[in-house]
C-alpha atoms as a PDB file:
ATOM      1  CA  MET A   1       0.000   0.000   0.000  1.00  0.00           C
ATOM      2  CA  LYS A   2       1.403   3.356  -1.072  1.00  0.00           C
ATOM      3  CA  ILE A   3       0.608   6.191   1.370  1.00  0.00           C
ATOM      4  CA  LEU A   4       1.247   9.862   0.703  1.00  0.00           C
ATOM      5  CA  VAL A   5       1.559  11.651   4.051  1.00  0.00           C
ATOM      6  CA  ILE A   6       0.673  15.342   3.730  1.00  0.00           C
ATOM      7  CA  THR A   7       1.609  17.711   6.542  1.00  0.00           C
ATOM      8  CA  ASN A   8       2.400  21.356   7.103  1.00  0.00           C
ATOM      9  CA  MET A   9       4.272  20.570  10.326  1.00  0.00           C
ATOM     10  CA  TYR A  10       7.395  18.437  10.694  1.00  0.00           C
ATOM     11  CA  PRO A  11      10.569  18.659  12.832  1.00  0.00           C
ATOM     12  CA  THR A  12      13.490  20.737  11.559  1.00  0.00           C
ATOM     13  CA  LYS A  13      16.948  21.530  12.935  1.00  0.00           C
ATOM     14  CA  GLU A  14      15.664  24.947  13.951  1.00  0.00           C
ATOM     15  CA  SER A  15      12.514  23.542  15.609  1.00  0.00           C
ATOM     16  CA  PRO A  16      13.251  19.923  16.593  1.00  0.00           C
ATOM     17  CA  SER A  17      10.040  19.529  18.585  1.00  0.00           C
ATOM     18  CA  ALA A  18       7.627  20.971  16.005  1.00  0.00           C
ATOM     19  CA  GLY A  19       5.373  18.185  14.779  1.00  0.00           C
ATOM     20  CA  VAL A  20       7.603  15.458  16.182  1.00  0.00           C
ATOM     21  CA  PHE A  21       4.487  13.351  16.835  1.00  0.00           C
ATOM     22  CA  ILE A  22       3.714  13.421  13.101  1.00  0.00           C
ATOM     23  CA  LYS A  23       7.201  12.132  12.357  1.00  0.00           C
ATOM     24  CA  ASN A  24       6.710   9.407  14.968  1.00  0.00           C
ATOM     25  CA  MET A  25       3.394   8.359  13.423  1.00  0.00           C
ATOM     26  CA  THR A  26       4.933   8.334   9.938  1.00  0.00           C
ATOM     27  CA  ASP A  27       7.842   6.222  11.175  1.00  0.00           C
ATOM     28  CA  GLN A  28       5.391   3.771  12.748  1.00  0.00           C
ATOM     29  CA  LEU A  29       3.565   3.346   9.443  1.00  0.00           C
ATOM     30  CA  SER A  30       6.832   2.729   7.598  1.00  0.00           C
ATOM     31  CA  GLN A  31       7.658  -0.189   9.904  1.00  0.00           C
ATOM     32  CA  SER A  32       5.339  -2.396   7.848  1.00  0.00           C
ATOM     33  CA  GLU A  33       6.862  -3.973   4.746  1.00  0.00           C
ATOM     34  CA  LYS A  34       3.448  -3.689   3.147  1.00  0.00           C
ATOM     35  CA  ILE A  35       3.422   0.125   3.402  1.00  0.00           C
ATOM     36  CA  ASP A  36       5.396   2.416   1.106  1.00  0.00           C
ATOM     37  CA  ILE A  37       5.539   5.909   2.652  1.00  0.00           C
ATOM     38  CA  HIS A  38       5.944   9.110   0.641  1.00  0.00           C
ATOM     39  CA  LEU A  39       6.098  12.472   2.425  1.00  0.00           C
ATOM     40  CA  TRP A  40       4.866  15.869   1.259  1.00  0.00           C
ATOM     41  CA  LYS A  41       5.705  18.487   3.885  1.00  0.00           C
ATOM     42  CA  LEU A  42       5.989  22.226   4.167  1.00  0.00           C
ATOM     43  CA  LYS A  43       9.535  23.381   3.513  1.00  0.00           C
ATOM     44  CA  SER A  44      11.382  25.500   6.067  1.00  0.00           C
ATOM     45  CA  GLY A  45      12.374  29.084   5.311  1.00  0.00           C
ATOM     46  CA  ASN A  46      10.158  31.892   4.057  1.00  0.00           C
ATOM     47  CA  LYS A  47       6.640  30.900   5.098  1.00  0.00           C
ATOM     48  CA  TYR A  48       4.914  32.622   2.156  1.00  0.00           C
ATOM     49  CA  LEU A  49       7.116  30.928  -0.424  1.00  0.00           C
ATOM     50  CA  ALA A  50       6.921  27.634   1.425  1.00  0.00           C
ATOM     51  CA  TYR A  51       3.125  27.545   1.173  1.00  0.00           C
ATOM     52  CA  ILE A  52       3.230  28.483  -2.515  1.00  0.00           C
ATOM     53  CA  HIS A  53       5.492  25.472  -3.083  1.00  0.00           C
ATOM     54  CA  PHE A  54       3.367  23.293  -0.782  1.00  0.00           C
ATOM     55  CA  TYR A  55       0.103  23.933  -2.617  1.00  0.00           C
ATOM     56  CA  PHE A  56       1.032  24.586  -6.239  1.00  0.00           C
ATOM     57  CA  LEU A  57       3.640  21.864  -6.729  1.00  0.00           C
ATOM     58  CA  PHE A  58       1.607  19.189  -4.978  1.00  0.00           C
ATOM     59  CA  ILE A  59       0.010  18.009  -8.216  1.00  0.00           C
ATOM     60  CA  PHE A  60       3.431  16.938  -9.536  1.00  0.00           C
ATOM     61  CA  LYS A  61       4.079  14.910  -6.374  1.00  0.00           C
ATOM     62  CA  LEU A  62       0.622  13.371  -6.711  1.00  0.00           C
ATOM     63  CA  VAL A  63       1.111  12.320 -10.332  1.00  0.00           C
ATOM     64  CA  ILE A  64       4.578  10.884  -9.641  1.00  0.00           C
ATOM     65  CA  VAL A  65       3.627   8.920  -6.510  1.00  0.00           C
ATOM     66  CA  ARG A  66       0.038   7.929  -7.450  1.00  0.00           C
ATOM     67  CA  PRO A  67      -0.787   6.830  -3.889  1.00  0.00           C
ATOM     68  CA  ASP A  68      -3.420   4.358  -2.747  1.00  0.00           C
ATOM     69  CA  MET A  69      -4.079   6.634   0.223  1.00  0.00           C
ATOM     70  CA  ALA A  70      -3.675  10.315   1.051  1.00  0.00           C
ATOM     71  CA  TYR A  71      -3.069  10.772   4.792  1.00  0.00           C
ATOM     72  CA  CYS A  72      -3.500  14.417   5.851  1.00  0.00           C
ATOM     73  CA  HIS A  73      -2.389  15.958   9.163  1.00  0.00           C
ATOM     74  CA  PHE A  74      -3.897  19.269  10.344  1.00  0.00           C
ATOM     75  CA  ILE A  75      -6.788  19.261   7.917  1.00  0.00           C
ATOM     76  CA  SER A  76      -7.311  23.037   7.714  1.00  0.00           C
ATOM     77  CA  HIS A  77      -3.970  23.280   5.912  1.00  0.00           C
ATOM     78  CA  THR A  78      -3.856  19.937   4.107  1.00  0.00           C
ATOM     79  CA  GLY A  79      -7.442  18.791   3.594  1.00  0.00           C
ATOM     80  CA  GLY A  80      -7.705  20.510   0.230  1.00  0.00           C
ATOM     81  CA  LEU A  81      -4.727  18.565  -1.077  1.00  0.00           C
ATOM     82  CA  GLY A  82      -6.218  15.335   0.211  1.00  0.00           C
ATOM     83  CA  TRP A  83      -9.531  16.180  -1.445  1.00  0.00           C
ATOM     84  CA  LEU A  84      -7.680  16.808  -4.718  1.00  0.00           C
ATOM     85  CA  ALA A  85      -5.889  13.461  -4.444  1.00  0.00           C
ATOM     86  CA  LYS A  86      -9.181  11.638  -3.970  1.00  0.00           C
ATOM     87  CA  LYS A  87     -10.841  13.500  -6.846  1.00  0.00           C
ATOM     88  CA  VAL A  88      -7.967  12.964  -9.304  1.00  0.00           C
ATOM     89  CA  LEU A  89      -6.902   9.409  -8.394  1.00  0.00           C
ATOM     90  CA  GLY A  90      -9.842   8.001  -6.461  1.00  0.00           C
ATOM     91  CA  CYS A  91      -7.520   7.069  -3.595  1.00  0.00           C
ATOM     92  CA  LYS A  92      -8.586   6.629   0.019  1.00  0.00           C
ATOM     93  CA  LEU A  93      -8.611   9.817   2.104  1.00  0.00           C
ATOM     94  CA  VAL A  94      -7.617   9.777   5.781  1.00  0.00           C
ATOM     95  CA  LEU A  95      -7.866  13.023   7.750  1.00  0.00           C
ATOM     96  CA  ASN A  96      -6.019  13.230  11.068  1.00  0.00           C
ATOM     97  CA  CYS A  97      -7.380  16.067  13.224  1.00  0.00           C
ATOM     98  CA  HIS A  98      -4.980  17.255  15.908  1.00  0.00           C
ATOM     99  CA  GLY A  99      -6.894  19.946  17.769  1.00  0.00           C
ATOM    100  CA  SER A 100      -6.048  23.466  16.628  1.00  0.00           C
ATOM    101  CA  ASP A 101      -7.192  22.708  13.077  1.00  0.00           C
ATOM    102  CA  ILE A 102     -10.671  21.941  14.447  1.00  0.00           C
ATOM    103  CA  MET A 103     -10.918  24.227  17.492  1.00  0.00           C
ATOM    104  CA  ASN A 104      -9.805  27.368  15.637  1.00  0.00           C
ATOM    105  CA  SER A 105     -12.394  26.806  12.906  1.00  0.00           C
ATOM    106  CA  LEU A 106     -15.177  26.671  15.507  1.00  0.00           C
ATOM    107  CA  LYS A 107     -14.519  30.133  16.935  1.00  0.00           C
ATOM    108  CA  HIS A 108     -16.389  32.006  14.210  1.00  0.00           C
ATOM    109  CA  LYS A 109     -17.603  29.165  11.955  1.00  0.00           C
ATOM    110  CA  GLY A 110     -16.489  31.102   8.911  1.00  0.00           C
ATOM    111  CA  LYS A 111     -14.648  30.074   5.771  1.00  0.00           C
ATOM    112  CA  ARG A 112     -12.251  27.687   7.524  1.00  0.00           C
ATOM    113  CA  PHE A 113     -15.138  25.886   9.214  1.00  0.00           C
ATOM    114  CA  LYS A 114     -16.964  25.475   5.895  1.00  0.00           C
ATOM    115  CA  LEU A 115     -13.824  24.117   4.226  1.00  0.00           C
ATOM    116  CA  ASN A 116     -13.243  21.672   7.081  1.00  0.00           C
ATOM    117  CA  SER A 117     -16.845  20.502   6.680  1.00  0.00           C
ATOM    118  CA  ILE A 118     -16.262  19.786   2.997  1.00  0.00           C
ATOM    119  CA  PHE A 119     -12.956  17.992   3.570  1.00  0.00           C
ATOM    120  CA  LEU A 120     -14.407  15.845   6.366  1.00  0.00           C
ATOM    121  CA  SER A 121     -17.400  14.866   4.242  1.00  0.00           C
ATOM    122  CA  TYR A 122     -15.053  13.277   1.681  1.00  0.00           C
ATOM    123  CA  ALA A 123     -12.933  11.389   4.236  1.00  0.00           C
ATOM    124  CA  ASP A 124     -12.918   7.594   4.320  1.00  0.00           C
ATOM    125  CA  MET A 125     -11.535   7.761   7.860  1.00  0.00           C
ATOM    126  CA  VAL A 126     -11.229  10.529  10.445  1.00  0.00           C
ATOM    127  CA  ILE A 127      -8.557  10.084  13.117  1.00  0.00           C
ATOM    128  CA  THR A 128      -8.521  11.987  16.410  1.00  0.00           C
ATOM    129  CA  PRO A 129      -6.013  11.648  19.256  1.00  0.00           C
ATOM    130  CA  SER A 130      -8.654  11.431  21.982  1.00  0.00           C
ATOM    131  CA  ALA A 131     -12.284  10.776  22.764  1.00  0.00           C
ATOM    132  CA  PHE A 132     -12.591  14.465  23.654  1.00  0.00           C
ATOM    133  CA  LEU A 133     -11.662  15.698  20.170  1.00  0.00           C
ATOM    134  CA  LYS A 134     -13.812  13.021  18.571  1.00  0.00           C
ATOM    135  CA  SER A 135     -16.809  14.336  20.531  1.00  0.00           C
ATOM    136  CA  VAL A 136     -16.061  17.895  19.364  1.00  0.00           C
ATOM    137  CA  VAL A 137     -15.924  16.835  15.702  1.00  0.00           C
ATOM    138  CA  VAL A 138     -19.072  14.691  15.980  1.00  0.00           C
ATOM    139  CA  LYS A 139     -20.958  17.555  17.630  1.00  0.00           C
ATOM    140  CA  ASN A 140     -20.013  20.196  15.062  1.00  0.00           C
ATOM    141  CA  PHE A 141     -19.685  18.316  11.769  1.00  0.00           C
ATOM    142  CA  ALA A 142     -22.087  15.953  10.008  1.00  0.00           C
ATOM    143  CA  ILE A 143     -19.771  12.928  10.065  1.00  0.00           C
ATOM    144  CA  SER A 144     -20.805   9.340  10.708  1.00  0.00           C
ATOM    145  CA  LYS A 145     -19.348   7.949  13.943  1.00  0.00           C
ATOM    146  CA  SER A 146     -18.388   4.800  12.023  1.00  0.00           C
ATOM    147  CA  LYS A 147     -15.677   6.753  10.191  1.00  0.00           C
ATOM    148  CA  PHE A 148     -13.784   7.652  13.381  1.00  0.00           C
ATOM    149  CA  PHE A 149     -10.722   6.051  14.872  1.00  0.00           C
ATOM    150  CA  ILE A 150      -8.908   7.253  17.999  1.00  0.00           C
ATOM    151  CA  SER A 151      -5.114   7.066  17.799  1.00  0.00           C
ATOM    152  CA  PRO A 152      -3.037   8.987  20.384  1.00  0.00           C
ATOM    153  CA  SER A 153      -0.608  10.834  18.085  1.00  0.00           C
ATOM    154  CA  GLY A 154       2.021   8.124  17.953  1.00  0.00           C
ATOM    155  CA  GLY A 155       1.808   7.269  21.645  1.00  0.00           C
ATOM    156  CA  VAL A 156       4.810   7.331  23.970  1.00  0.00           C
ATOM    157  CA  LYS A 157       7.946   5.289  24.535  1.00  0.00           C
ATOM    158  CA  VAL A 158       7.471   3.533  27.859  1.00  0.00           C
ATOM    159  CA  ALA A 159      10.633   3.436  29.965  1.00  0.00           C
ATOM    160  CA  LEU A 160      11.389   1.058  32.811  1.00  0.00           C
ATOM    161  CA  ASN A 161       9.249   1.593  35.884  1.00  0.00           C
ATOM    162  CA  LYS A 162      11.138   3.422  38.640  1.00  0.00           C
ATOM    163  CA  GLU A 163      10.371   3.548  42.318  1.00  0.00           C
ATOM    164  CA  CYS A 164      11.126   6.334  44.766  1.00  0.00           C
ATOM    165  CA  GLU A 165      13.678   4.918  47.222  1.00  0.00           C
ATOM    166  CA  ASN A 166      13.717   8.045  49.380  1.00  0.00           C
ATOM    167  CA  ILE A 167      12.290  11.546  49.289  1.00  0.00           C
ATOM    168  CA  VAL A 168      14.751  13.978  47.766  1.00  0.00           C
ATOM    169  CA  LYS A 169      14.858  17.556  48.983  1.00  0.00           C
ATOM    170  CA  PRO A 170      14.366  20.004  47.397  1.00  0.00           C
ATOM    171  CA  LEU A 171      11.209  19.003  45.526  1.00  0.00           C
ATOM    172  CA  ARG A 172      11.937  18.742  41.794  1.00  0.00           C
ATOM    173  CA  LEU A 173       9.210  20.128  39.529  1.00  0.00           C
ATOM    174  CA  GLY A 174       9.177  19.982  35.733  1.00  0.00           C
ATOM    175  CA  PHE A 175       7.611  21.964  32.908  1.00  0.00           C
ATOM    176  CA  VAL A 176       7.913  20.977  29.236  1.00  0.00           C
ATOM    177  CA  GLY A 177       6.334  23.260  26.650  1.00  0.00           C
ATOM    178  CA  ARG A 178       6.398  26.704  25.103  1.00  0.00           C
ATOM    179  CA  LEU A 179       6.970  29.584  27.479  1.00  0.00           C
ATOM    180  CA  ILE A 180       3.653  31.281  26.743  1.00  0.00           C
ATOM    181  CA  PRO A 181       0.653  32.116  28.954  1.00  0.00           C
ATOM    182  CA  MET A 182      -1.618  29.657  27.101  1.00  0.00           C
ATOM    183  CA  LYS A 183       0.646  26.825  28.272  1.00  0.00           C
ATOM    184  CA  GLY A 184       0.398  28.155  31.837  1.00  0.00           C
ATOM    185  CA  ILE A 185       3.967  29.196  32.541  1.00  0.00           C
ATOM    186  CA  ASP A 186       2.676  32.340  34.330  1.00  0.00           C
ATOM    187  CA  ILE A 187       0.454  30.152  36.531  1.00  0.00           C
ATOM    188  CA  ILE A 188       3.533  28.244  37.644  1.00  0.00           C
ATOM    189  CA  VAL A 189       5.376  31.491  38.442  1.00  0.00           C
ATOM    190  CA  ASP A 190       2.411  32.703  40.513  1.00  0.00           C
ATOM    191  CA  ALA A 191       2.079  29.380  42.328  1.00  0.00           C
ATOM    192  CA  LEU A 192       5.753  29.430  43.340  1.00  0.00           C
ATOM    193  CA  TYR A 193       5.946  33.107  44.322  1.00  0.00           C
ATOM    194  CA  ASP A 194       7.179  32.465  47.890  1.00  0.00           C
ATOM    195  CA  SER A 195       8.055  28.756  47.728  1.00  0.00           C
ATOM    196  CA  GLU A 196      11.240  27.270  49.142  1.00  0.00           C
ATOM    197  CA  ASN A 197      13.184  24.045  48.673  1.00  0.00           C
ATOM    198  CA  ILE A 198      12.103  23.684  45.041  1.00  0.00           C
ATOM    199  CA  ASP A 199      14.100  22.999  41.878  1.00  0.00           C
ATOM    200  CA  LEU A 200      12.241  23.841  38.673  1.00  0.00           C
ATOM    201  CA  PHE A 201      13.319  22.096  35.446  1.00  0.00           C
ATOM    202  CA  VAL A 202      12.050  23.846  32.298  1.00  0.00           C
ATOM    203  CA  ALA A 203      12.391  22.670  28.676  1.00  0.00           C
ATOM    204  CA  GLY A 204      10.802  24.618  25.858  1.00  0.00           C
ATOM    205  CA  GLY A 205      11.220  27.506  23.465  1.00  0.00           C
ATOM    206  CA  GLY A 206      10.009  31.029  24.023  1.00  0.00           C
ATOM    207  CA  ASP A 207      10.920  34.119  26.017  1.00  0.00           C
ATOM    208  CA  PHE A 208      13.183  32.889  28.810  1.00  0.00           C
ATOM    209  CA  ASN A 209      13.018  36.318  30.495  1.00  0.00           C
ATOM    210  CA  TYR A 210       9.293  35.757  30.968  1.00  0.00           C
ATOM    211  CA  ILE A 211      10.069  33.215  33.647  1.00  0.00           C
ATOM    212  CA  SER A 212      13.552  34.198  34.844  1.00  0.00           C
ATOM    213  CA  ASP A 213      12.535  37.792  35.685  1.00  0.00           C
ATOM    214  CA  LYS A 214       9.409  36.830  37.627  1.00  0.00           C
ATOM    215  CA  LEU A 215      10.301  33.567  39.331  1.00  0.00           C
ATOM    216  CA  SER A 216      11.055  33.675  43.028  1.00  0.00           C
ATOM    217  CA  GLY A 217      14.783  33.821  43.747  1.00  0.00           C
ATOM    218  CA  ARG A 218      14.311  31.005  46.253  1.00  0.00           C
ATOM    219  CA  VAL A 219      13.378  28.597  43.463  1.00  0.00           C
ATOM    220  CA  LYS A 220      16.350  27.120  41.625  1.00  0.00           C
ATOM    221  CA  LEU A 221      15.715  27.298  37.863  1.00  0.00           C
ATOM    222  CA  ASN A 222      17.244  24.765  35.462  1.00  0.00           C
ATOM    223  CA  TYR A 223      16.512  25.869  31.894  1.00  0.00           C
ATOM    224  CA  PHE A 224      17.239  23.599  28.913  1.00  0.00           C
ATOM    225  CA  GLY A 225      15.662  25.617  26.097  1.00  0.00           C
ATOM    226  CA  GLU A 226      13.952  23.817  23.224  1.00  0.00           C
ATOM    227  CA  ILE A 227      15.459  20.356  22.921  1.00  0.00           C
ATOM    228  CA  PRO A 228      14.694  17.278  20.767  1.00  0.00           C
ATOM    229  CA  GLN A 229      12.172  14.788  22.100  1.00  0.00           C
ATOM    230  CA  SER A 230      14.938  12.205  22.527  1.00  0.00           C
ATOM    231  CA  GLU A 231      16.667  14.450  25.080  1.00  0.00           C
ATOM    232  CA  LEU A 232      13.576  15.043  27.210  1.00  0.00           C
ATOM    233  CA  ASN A 233      14.346  11.804  29.034  1.00  0.00           C
ATOM    234  CA  ASN A 234      16.996  13.737  30.949  1.00  0.00           C
ATOM    235  CA  VAL A 235      14.273  16.044  32.245  1.00  0.00           C
ATOM    236  CA  TYR A 236      11.716  13.377  33.141  1.00  0.00           C
ATOM    237  CA  GLU A 237      14.297  11.233  34.923  1.00  0.00           C
ATOM    238  CA  ASN A 238      15.274  14.114  37.193  1.00  0.00           C
ATOM    239  CA  ILE A 239      11.895  15.405  38.342  1.00  0.00           C
ATOM    240  CA  ASP A 240       9.401  14.268  40.966  1.00  0.00           C
ATOM    241  CA  ILE A 241       6.256  15.646  39.320  1.00  0.00           C
ATOM    242  CA  LEU A 242       5.351  17.419  36.056  1.00  0.00           C
ATOM    243  CA  LEU A 243       3.334  20.638  35.917  1.00  0.00           C
ATOM    244  CA  PHE A 244       0.860  20.968  33.025  1.00  0.00           C
ATOM    245  CA  PRO A 245      -1.396  23.969  33.838  1.00  0.00           C
ATOM    246  CA  THR A 246      -2.427  24.568  30.223  1.00  0.00           C
ATOM    247  CA  ARG A 247      -5.182  26.982  29.253  1.00  0.00           C
ATOM    248  CA  PHE A 248      -5.717  25.160  25.943  1.00  0.00           C
ATOM    249  CA  GLU A 249      -8.478  22.594  25.535  1.00  0.00           C
ATOM    250  CA  GLU A 250      -5.844  19.971  24.802  1.00  0.00           C
ATOM    251  CA  SER A 251      -6.824  17.402  22.182  1.00  0.00           C
ATOM    252  CA  LEU A 252      -4.487  14.982  23.990  1.00  0.00           C
ATOM    253  CA  GLY A 253      -1.339  16.366  25.600  1.00  0.00           C
ATOM    254  CA  LEU A 254       1.569  14.034  24.887  1.00  0.00           C
ATOM    255  CA  THR A 255       3.862  15.747  27.404  1.00  0.00           C
ATOM    256  CA  PRO A 256       2.000  14.457  30.490  1.00  0.00           C
ATOM    257  CA  LEU A 257       1.908  10.957  28.991  1.00  0.00           C
ATOM    258  CA  GLU A 258       5.649  11.084  28.269  1.00  0.00           C
ATOM    259  CA  ALA A 259       6.235  12.003  31.909  1.00  0.00           C
ATOM    260  CA  MET A 260       3.984   9.173  33.103  1.00  0.00           C
ATOM    261  CA  ALA A 261       5.933   6.790  30.872  1.00  0.00           C
ATOM    262  CA  HIS A 262       8.892   7.636  33.153  1.00  0.00           C
ATOM    263  CA  SER A 263       6.779   7.007  36.278  1.00  0.00           C
ATOM    264  CA  VAL A 264       6.324  10.742  36.877  1.00  0.00           C
ATOM    265  CA  PRO A 265       2.906  11.923  38.165  1.00  0.00           C
ATOM    266  CA  VAL A 266       1.325  15.057  36.680  1.00  0.00           C
ATOM    267  CA  ILE A 267      -0.567  18.098  37.913  1.00  0.00           C
ATOM    268  CA  GLY A 268      -2.718  19.155  34.964  1.00  0.00           C
ATOM    269  CA  SER A 269      -5.612  21.430  34.044  1.00  0.00           C
ATOM    270  CA  ASP A 270      -9.010  19.759  34.103  1.00  0.00           C
ATOM    271  CA  SER A 271      -9.752  20.640  30.480  1.00  0.00           C
ATOM    272  CA  GLY A 272      -9.998  18.931  27.108  1.00  0.00           C
ATOM    273  CA  ALA A 273      -8.611  15.403  27.016  1.00  0.00           C
ATOM    274  CA  VAL A 274      -6.411  15.743  30.114  1.00  0.00           C
ATOM    275  CA  GLY A 275      -9.063  14.171  32.337  1.00  0.00           C
ATOM    276  CA  GLU A 276      -8.992  11.040  30.163  1.00  0.00           C
ATOM    277  CA  TYR A 277      -5.687   9.962  31.698  1.00  0.00           C
ATOM    278  CA  ILE A 278      -5.101  11.974  34.897  1.00  0.00           C
ATOM    279  CA  GLN A 279      -7.058  10.528  37.798  1.00  0.00           C
ATOM    280  CA  HIS A 280      -7.059  12.963  40.684  1.00  0.00           C
ATOM    281  CA  GLY A 281      -5.106  11.658  43.652  1.00  0.00           C
ATOM    282  CA  LYS A 282      -4.053   8.460  41.848  1.00  0.00           C
ATOM    283  CA  ASN A 283      -1.539   9.422  39.154  1.00  0.00           C
ATOM    284  CA  GLY A 284      -1.538  13.149  39.740  1.00  0.00           C
ATOM    285  CA  TYR A 285      -3.900  16.029  40.407  1.00  0.00           C
ATOM    286  CA  LEU A 286      -6.477  17.901  38.319  1.00  0.00           C
ATOM    287  CA  ILE A 287      -6.827  21.644  38.874  1.00  0.00           C
ATOM    288  CA  PRO A 288      -9.222  24.257  37.460  1.00  0.00           C
ATOM    289  CA  VAL A 289      -7.893  26.109  34.410  1.00  0.00           C
ATOM    290  CA  GLY A 290      -5.831  29.145  35.370  1.00  0.00           C
ATOM    291  CA  ASP A 291      -5.913  28.448  39.122  1.00  0.00           C
ATOM    292  CA  SER A 292      -2.456  29.113  40.597  1.00  0.00           C
ATOM    293  CA  VAL A 293      -3.766  28.631  44.149  1.00  0.00           C
ATOM    294  CA  LYS A 294      -4.940  25.080  43.400  1.00  0.00           C
ATOM    295  CA  LEU A 295      -1.656  24.397  41.625  1.00  0.00           C
ATOM    296  CA  ARG A 296       0.241  25.492  44.714  1.00  0.00           C
ATOM    297  CA  GLU A 297      -1.997  23.362  46.965  1.00  0.00           C
ATOM    298  CA  SER A 298      -1.458  20.315  44.737  1.00  0.00           C
ATOM    299  CA  ILE A 299       2.316  20.803  44.790  1.00  0.00           C
ATOM    300  CA  GLU A 300       2.261  20.965  48.580  1.00  0.00           C
ATOM    301  CA  ALA A 301      -0.062  17.947  48.798  1.00  0.00           C
ATOM    302  CA  PHE A 302       2.406  15.934  46.749  1.00  0.00           C
ATOM    303  CA  ARG A 303       5.319  17.185  48.856  1.00  0.00           C
ATOM    304  CA  GLN A 304       3.637  15.802  51.980  1.00  0.00           C
ATOM    305  CA  LEU A 305       3.230  12.274  50.577  1.00  0.00           C
ATOM    306  CA  SER A 306       5.231   9.451  52.152  1.00  0.00           C
ATOM    307  CA  VAL A 307       7.639   7.319  50.122  1.00  0.00           C
ATOM    308  CA  TYR A 308       4.975   4.600  49.950  1.00  0.00           C
ATOM    309  CA  GLU A 309       2.322   7.044  48.716  1.00  0.00           C
ATOM    310  CA  ARG A 310       4.646   8.529  46.118  1.00  0.00           C
ATOM    311  CA  ASN A 311       5.579   5.090  44.836  1.00  0.00           C
ATOM    312  CA  LYS A 312       1.908   4.183  44.568  1.00  0.00           C
ATOM    313  CA  MET A 313       1.289   7.324  42.492  1.00  0.00           C
ATOM    314  CA  LYS A 314       4.365   6.664  40.343  1.00  0.00           C
ATOM    315  CA  CYS A 315       3.258   3.083  39.636  1.00  0.00           C
ATOM    316  CA  PHE A 316      -0.244   4.199  38.686  1.00  0.00           C
ATOM    317  CA  SER A 317       1.259   6.822  36.369  1.00  0.00           C
ATOM    318  CA  TYR A 318       3.372   4.160  34.678  1.00  0.00           C
ATOM    319  CA  GLU A 319       0.393   1.837  34.228  1.00  0.00           C
ATOM    320  CA  THR A 320      -1.563   4.694  32.669  1.00  0.00           C
ATOM    321  CA  ALA A 321       1.203   5.402  30.143  1.00  0.00           C
ATOM    322  CA  LYS A 322       1.329   1.749  29.101  1.00  0.00           C
ATOM    323  CA  ARG A 323      -2.135   2.179  27.563  1.00  0.00           C
ATOM    324  CA  TYR A 324      -0.530   4.659  25.151  1.00  0.00           C
ATOM    325  CA  ASP A 325       2.560   2.596  24.314  1.00  0.00           C
ATOM    326  CA  GLU A 326       3.977   3.564  20.901  1.00  0.00           C
ATOM    327  CA  ASN A 327       4.378  -0.028  19.706  1.00  0.00           C
ATOM    328  CA  THR A 328       0.755  -0.955  20.389  1.00  0.00           C
ATOM    329  CA  THR A 329      -0.426   2.383  18.993  1.00  0.00           C
ATOM    330  CA  GLY A 330       1.520   1.853  15.759  1.00  0.00           C
ATOM    331  CA  ILE A 331       0.206  -1.678  15.226  1.00  0.00           C
ATOM    332  CA  GLU A 332      -3.403  -0.614  15.798  1.00  0.00           C
ATOM    333  CA  LEU A 333      -3.088   2.325  13.388  1.00  0.00           C
ATOM    334  CA  ARG A 334      -1.586   0.196  10.614  1.00  0.00           C
ATOM    335  CA  GLU A 335      -4.286  -2.452  11.012  1.00  0.00           C
ATOM    336  CA  LYS A 336      -7.011   0.189  10.874  1.00  0.00           C
ATOM    337  CA  LEU A 337      -5.631   1.701   7.665  1.00  0.00           C
ATOM    338  CA  PHE A 338      -5.391  -1.711   6.029  1.00  0.00           C
ATOM    339  CA  SER A 339      -9.072  -2.289   6.897  1.00  0.00           C
ATOM    340  CA  LEU A 340     -10.058   0.421   4.370  1.00  0.00           C
ATOM    341  CA  PHE A 341      -9.112  -1.926   1.511  1.00  0.00           C
END
């Protein structure tokens, strides 16, 4: 089976974490000897010129490859190309919604919403990373539920389970994501305004001064910048709990699952799909969106846990992550795509 993967987001040297989950999903598909993967992605450099190339030269790629299936990521940007592939070649059309492509189109229900509706109506399969995003698409678009398949964006690599042999002081907190208010970095700063005995490990691109200028001087900051996914293990293996106070309605949230795959509990916003895997008091804590007071209380609640209680939470986190194991996720996705033929 020849699959043409169409995406406007893919990792580059300049942005190693951008769309890394799409690369992971593409790599999983290519593991089958029965699948021949061809990639059509947005080039780096001048964005205007890149999109001209992406849209206007696609027809040449289509004619050369002649795929059995067009697999589109972020449908607002790629759905039109997938629609063209189906119209010209009669190939199968798979649309993978990732969140922003759907949620942004719902804000005003204008031209982008209407285009998404057209693209989705032609899809042979619609993939979402969570039950939450599936429910959003079902509610707002006239798509049969039988066309849907939930696949968690490539899943996560599950490390060896680790127990807490003793309680390390200071408490080691982690944050992985862009340093922007929508990801909740300001909520973390507010929650830690007069905290002591805390090391904060931060990995992500953005304005470093946003956090360094406002963070309490009594909190030790360890900043890694934006690093490749493969190097995030060094962060997860050195923290006690991950902070995920996002303001987004996350369609999944791979970062918390990656942390759990290293037996790290998570404090996350009770929004979007986050509540599908964080169980309050078992593998972390759920807090209201934007609530720095509840974040602070959850941090202190975790700090007060005994070694036994922390180990119990770490084990439950690990068991949760195993449900999203990348190997199982890849096999299930390949089998589902084959079922279209």
